[in-house]
């Protein structure tokens, strides 16, 4: 494809680049997590920081994970 001038090129590819950028932004936003809490953090003996995160999320069907009851034993 040959373009007559730079404006024609910009008018053809400008909207395509914008659509791709919008799509990338939506994909990145879909990967973000909300309501993440730091449950434990501290400095270990070897001067390395350590922390734990609590992340609760629904599965693809919208069901929330059930809490495991440590008092229940499956007999194994």
N, C-alpha and C. Protein backbone atom coordinates (compact mmCIF):
# COMPACT_ATOMS: atom_id res chain seq x y z
N UNK A 1 0.85 -1.17 0.00
CA UNK A 1 0.00 0.00 0.00
C UNK A 1 0.90 1.24 0.00
N UNK A 2 0.58 2.16 -0.86
CA UNK A 2 1.36 3.39 -0.96
C UNK A 2 0.49 4.56 -0.51
N UNK A 3 1.08 5.42 0.30
CA UNK A 3 0.36 6.57 0.83
C UNK A 3 0.76 7.81 0.06
N UNK A 4 -0.21 8.70 -0.13
CA UNK A 4 0.06 9.94 -0.86
C UNK A 4 0.89 10.91 -0.03
N UNK A 5 0.64 10.93 1.29
CA UNK A 5 1.40 11.82 2.17
C UNK A 5 1.33 11.30 3.60
N UNK A 6 2.01 12.00 4.48
CA UNK A 6 2.06 11.59 5.88
C UNK A 6 0.72 11.67 6.58
N UNK A 7 -0.12 12.60 6.18
CA UNK A 7 -1.43 12.74 6.79
C UNK A 7 -2.31 11.52 6.51
N UNK A 8 -2.23 11.00 5.30
CA UNK A 8 -3.01 9.82 4.97
C UNK A 8 -2.52 8.63 5.81
N UNK A 9 -1.22 8.48 5.93
CA UNK A 9 -0.64 7.41 6.75
C UNK A 9 -1.12 7.55 8.20
N UNK A 10 -1.06 8.77 8.72
CA UNK A 10 -1.47 9.02 10.10
C UNK A 10 -2.96 8.74 10.27
N UNK A 11 -3.77 9.11 9.30
CA UNK A 11 -5.22 8.90 9.39
C UNK A 11 -5.57 7.41 9.32
N UNK A 12 -4.73 6.61 8.66
CA UNK A 12 -4.98 5.17 8.58
C UNK A 12 -4.50 4.46 9.85
N UNK A 13 -3.28 4.73 10.27
CA UNK A 13 -2.68 4.00 11.38
C UNK A 13 -2.95 4.60 12.76
N UNK A 14 -3.29 5.88 12.82
CA UNK A 14 -3.57 6.51 14.11
C UNK A 14 -4.68 5.81 14.89
N UNK A 15 -5.85 5.60 14.27
CA UNK A 15 -6.93 4.90 14.99
C UNK A 15 -6.56 3.46 15.36
N UNK A 16 -5.79 2.79 14.53
CA UNK A 16 -5.38 1.42 14.85
C UNK A 16 -4.46 1.38 16.06
N UNK A 17 -3.53 2.32 16.13
CA UNK A 17 -2.62 2.39 17.27
C UNK A 17 -3.40 2.71 18.54
N UNK A 18 -4.38 3.61 18.44
CA UNK A 18 -5.21 3.95 19.60
C UNK A 18 -6.01 2.75 20.08
N UNK A 19 -6.58 1.99 19.16
CA UNK A 19 -7.33 0.79 19.54
C UNK A 19 -6.43 -0.22 20.25
N UNK A 20 -5.23 -0.41 19.74
CA UNK A 20 -4.30 -1.34 20.37
C UNK A 20 -3.90 -0.86 21.75
N UNK A 21 -3.66 0.44 21.91
CA UNK A 21 -3.29 0.98 23.22
C UNK A 21 -4.45 0.83 24.20
N UNK A 22 -5.67 1.09 23.76
CA UNK A 22 -6.84 0.94 24.63
C UNK A 22 -7.01 -0.52 25.05
N UNK A 23 -6.80 -1.43 24.10
CA UNK A 23 -6.92 -2.86 24.41
C UNK A 23 -5.85 -3.29 25.41
N UNK A 24 -4.61 -2.84 25.24
CA UNK A 24 -3.54 -3.15 26.18
C UNK A 24 -3.86 -2.62 27.57
N UNK A 25 -4.39 -1.40 27.63
CA UNK A 25 -4.74 -0.79 28.92
C UNK A 25 -5.83 -1.62 29.61
N UNK A 26 -6.84 -2.04 28.86
CA UNK A 26 -7.92 -2.85 29.46
C UNK A 26 -7.39 -4.19 29.96
N UNK A 27 -6.47 -4.81 29.22
CA UNK A 27 -5.89 -6.08 29.67
C UNK A 27 -5.10 -5.90 30.95
N UNK A 28 -4.32 -4.84 31.05
CA UNK A 28 -3.53 -4.59 32.26
C UNK A 28 -4.43 -4.29 33.45
N UNK A 29 -5.51 -3.53 33.22
CA UNK A 29 -6.43 -3.22 34.30
C UNK A 29 -7.16 -4.47 34.77
N UNK A 30 -7.41 -5.41 33.87
CA UNK A 30 -8.09 -6.64 34.25
C UNK A 30 -7.20 -7.52 35.13
N UNK A 31 -5.90 -7.32 35.09
CA UNK A 31 -4.98 -8.11 35.89
C UNK A 31 -4.70 -7.52 37.26
N UNK A 32 -5.21 -6.34 37.54
CA UNK A 32 -4.97 -5.73 38.84
C UNK A 32 -5.84 -6.38 39.90
N UNK A 33 -5.38 -6.38 41.11
CA UNK A 33 -6.12 -6.92 42.24
C UNK A 33 -6.46 -5.80 43.19
N UNK A 34 -7.67 -5.87 43.73
CA UNK A 34 -8.10 -4.89 44.72
C UNK A 34 -8.30 -5.61 46.05
N UNK A 35 -8.32 -4.86 47.12
CA UNK A 35 -8.53 -5.39 48.47
C UNK A 35 -7.50 -6.44 48.85
N UNK A 36 -6.25 -6.20 48.49
CA UNK A 36 -5.16 -7.08 48.91
C UNK A 36 -4.63 -6.53 50.22
N UNK A 37 -4.50 -7.39 51.21
CA UNK A 37 -3.99 -6.90 52.47
C UNK A 37 -2.71 -7.64 52.84
N UNK A 38 -1.80 -6.89 53.44
CA UNK A 38 -0.55 -7.47 53.91
C UNK A 38 -0.82 -8.02 55.30
N UNK A 39 -0.70 -9.34 55.43
CA UNK A 39 -1.06 -9.95 56.70
C UNK A 39 0.11 -10.05 57.67
N UNK A 40 1.33 -10.10 57.15
CA UNK A 40 2.50 -10.23 58.03
C UNK A 40 3.71 -9.68 57.29
N UNK A 41 4.49 -8.90 57.99
CA UNK A 41 5.72 -8.42 57.39
C UNK A 41 6.77 -8.23 58.48
N UNK A 42 8.00 -8.27 58.07
CA UNK A 42 9.06 -8.11 59.05
C UNK A 42 10.42 -8.29 58.44
N UNK A 43 11.40 -8.06 59.25
CA UNK A 43 12.79 -8.19 58.84
C UNK A 43 13.33 -9.49 59.43
N UNK A 44 13.79 -10.35 58.56
CA UNK A 44 14.28 -11.65 59.01
C UNK A 44 15.71 -11.50 59.54
N UNK A 45 16.22 -12.57 60.13
CA UNK A 45 17.53 -12.51 60.76
C UNK A 45 18.67 -12.25 59.78
N UNK A 46 18.48 -12.61 58.50
CA UNK A 46 19.53 -12.37 57.52
C UNK A 46 19.33 -11.05 56.77
N UNK A 47 18.62 -10.11 57.40
CA UNK A 47 18.40 -8.76 56.88
C UNK A 47 17.63 -8.75 55.55
N UNK A 48 16.73 -9.69 55.39
CA UNK A 48 15.89 -9.76 54.20
C UNK A 48 14.45 -9.50 54.65
N UNK A 49 13.76 -8.61 53.94
CA UNK A 49 12.38 -8.33 54.26
C UNK A 49 11.49 -9.46 53.79
N UNK A 50 10.50 -9.77 54.58
CA UNK A 50 9.57 -10.84 54.25
C UNK A 50 8.16 -10.34 54.53
N UNK A 51 7.21 -10.69 53.66
CA UNK A 51 5.82 -10.32 53.91
C UNK A 51 4.91 -11.37 53.30
N UNK A 52 3.69 -11.44 53.82
CA UNK A 52 2.67 -12.36 53.33
C UNK A 52 1.47 -11.53 52.90
N UNK A 53 0.81 -11.98 51.84
CA UNK A 53 -0.35 -11.27 51.33
C UNK A 53 -1.57 -12.16 51.43
N UNK A 54 -2.71 -11.56 51.73
CA UNK A 54 -3.97 -12.26 51.75
C UNK A 54 -4.77 -11.79 50.55
N UNK A 55 -5.00 -12.71 49.62
CA UNK A 55 -5.74 -12.39 48.40
C UNK A 55 -6.93 -13.34 48.32
N UNK A 56 -8.13 -12.79 48.35
CA UNK A 56 -9.34 -13.59 48.23
C UNK A 56 -10.02 -13.18 46.94
N UNK A 57 -10.31 -14.16 46.11
CA UNK A 57 -10.96 -13.83 44.84
C UNK A 57 -11.93 -14.93 44.46
N UNK A 58 -12.88 -14.58 43.62
CA UNK A 58 -13.87 -15.53 43.13
C UNK A 58 -13.30 -16.31 41.96
N UNK A 59 -13.83 -17.51 41.73
CA UNK A 59 -13.40 -18.26 40.57
C UNK A 59 -14.14 -17.75 39.34
N UNK A 60 -13.97 -18.41 38.22
CA UNK A 60 -14.56 -17.92 36.97
C UNK A 60 -16.08 -17.95 36.98
N UNK A 61 -16.69 -18.74 37.88
CA UNK A 61 -18.15 -18.80 37.97
C UNK A 61 -18.70 -17.86 39.04
N UNK A 62 -17.81 -17.09 39.67
CA UNK A 62 -18.25 -16.13 40.68
C UNK A 62 -18.41 -16.72 42.06
N UNK A 63 -17.93 -17.96 42.27
CA UNK A 63 -18.03 -18.58 43.59
C UNK A 63 -16.81 -18.21 44.41
N UNK A 64 -17.02 -17.94 45.68
CA UNK A 64 -15.92 -17.61 46.57
C UNK A 64 -15.36 -18.87 47.17
N UNK A 65 -14.07 -18.93 47.44
CA UNK A 65 -13.48 -20.13 48.02
C UNK A 65 -14.02 -20.37 49.42
N UNK A 66 -14.22 -21.63 49.75
CA UNK A 66 -14.72 -21.97 51.08
C UNK A 66 -13.56 -21.96 52.06
N UNK A 67 -13.84 -21.55 53.27
CA UNK A 67 -12.82 -21.57 54.31
C UNK A 67 -12.58 -23.01 54.71
N UNK A 68 -11.33 -23.39 54.84
CA UNK A 68 -11.00 -24.72 55.30
C UNK A 68 -11.08 -24.76 56.81
N UNK A 69 -11.76 -25.76 57.32
CA UNK A 69 -11.89 -25.93 58.76
C UNK A 69 -10.83 -26.90 59.23
N UNK A 70 -9.83 -26.44 59.98
CA UNK A 70 -8.75 -27.35 60.39
C UNK A 70 -9.23 -28.45 61.34
N UNK A 71 -10.41 -28.25 61.97
CA UNK A 71 -10.90 -29.28 62.89
C UNK A 71 -11.48 -30.47 62.14
N UNK A 72 -11.80 -30.30 60.86
CA UNK A 72 -12.32 -31.41 60.05
C UNK A 72 -11.16 -32.22 59.55
N UNK A 73 -11.25 -33.53 59.71
CA UNK A 73 -10.19 -34.41 59.23
C UNK A 73 -10.81 -35.35 58.22
N UNK A 74 -10.17 -35.50 57.07
CA UNK A 74 -10.72 -36.35 56.02
C UNK A 74 -10.37 -37.82 56.24
N UNK A 75 -9.70 -38.14 57.31
CA UNK A 75 -9.39 -39.52 57.62
C UNK A 75 -8.15 -40.06 56.96
N UNK A 76 -7.39 -39.25 56.28
CA UNK A 76 -6.18 -39.76 55.61
C UNK A 76 -4.97 -39.61 56.48
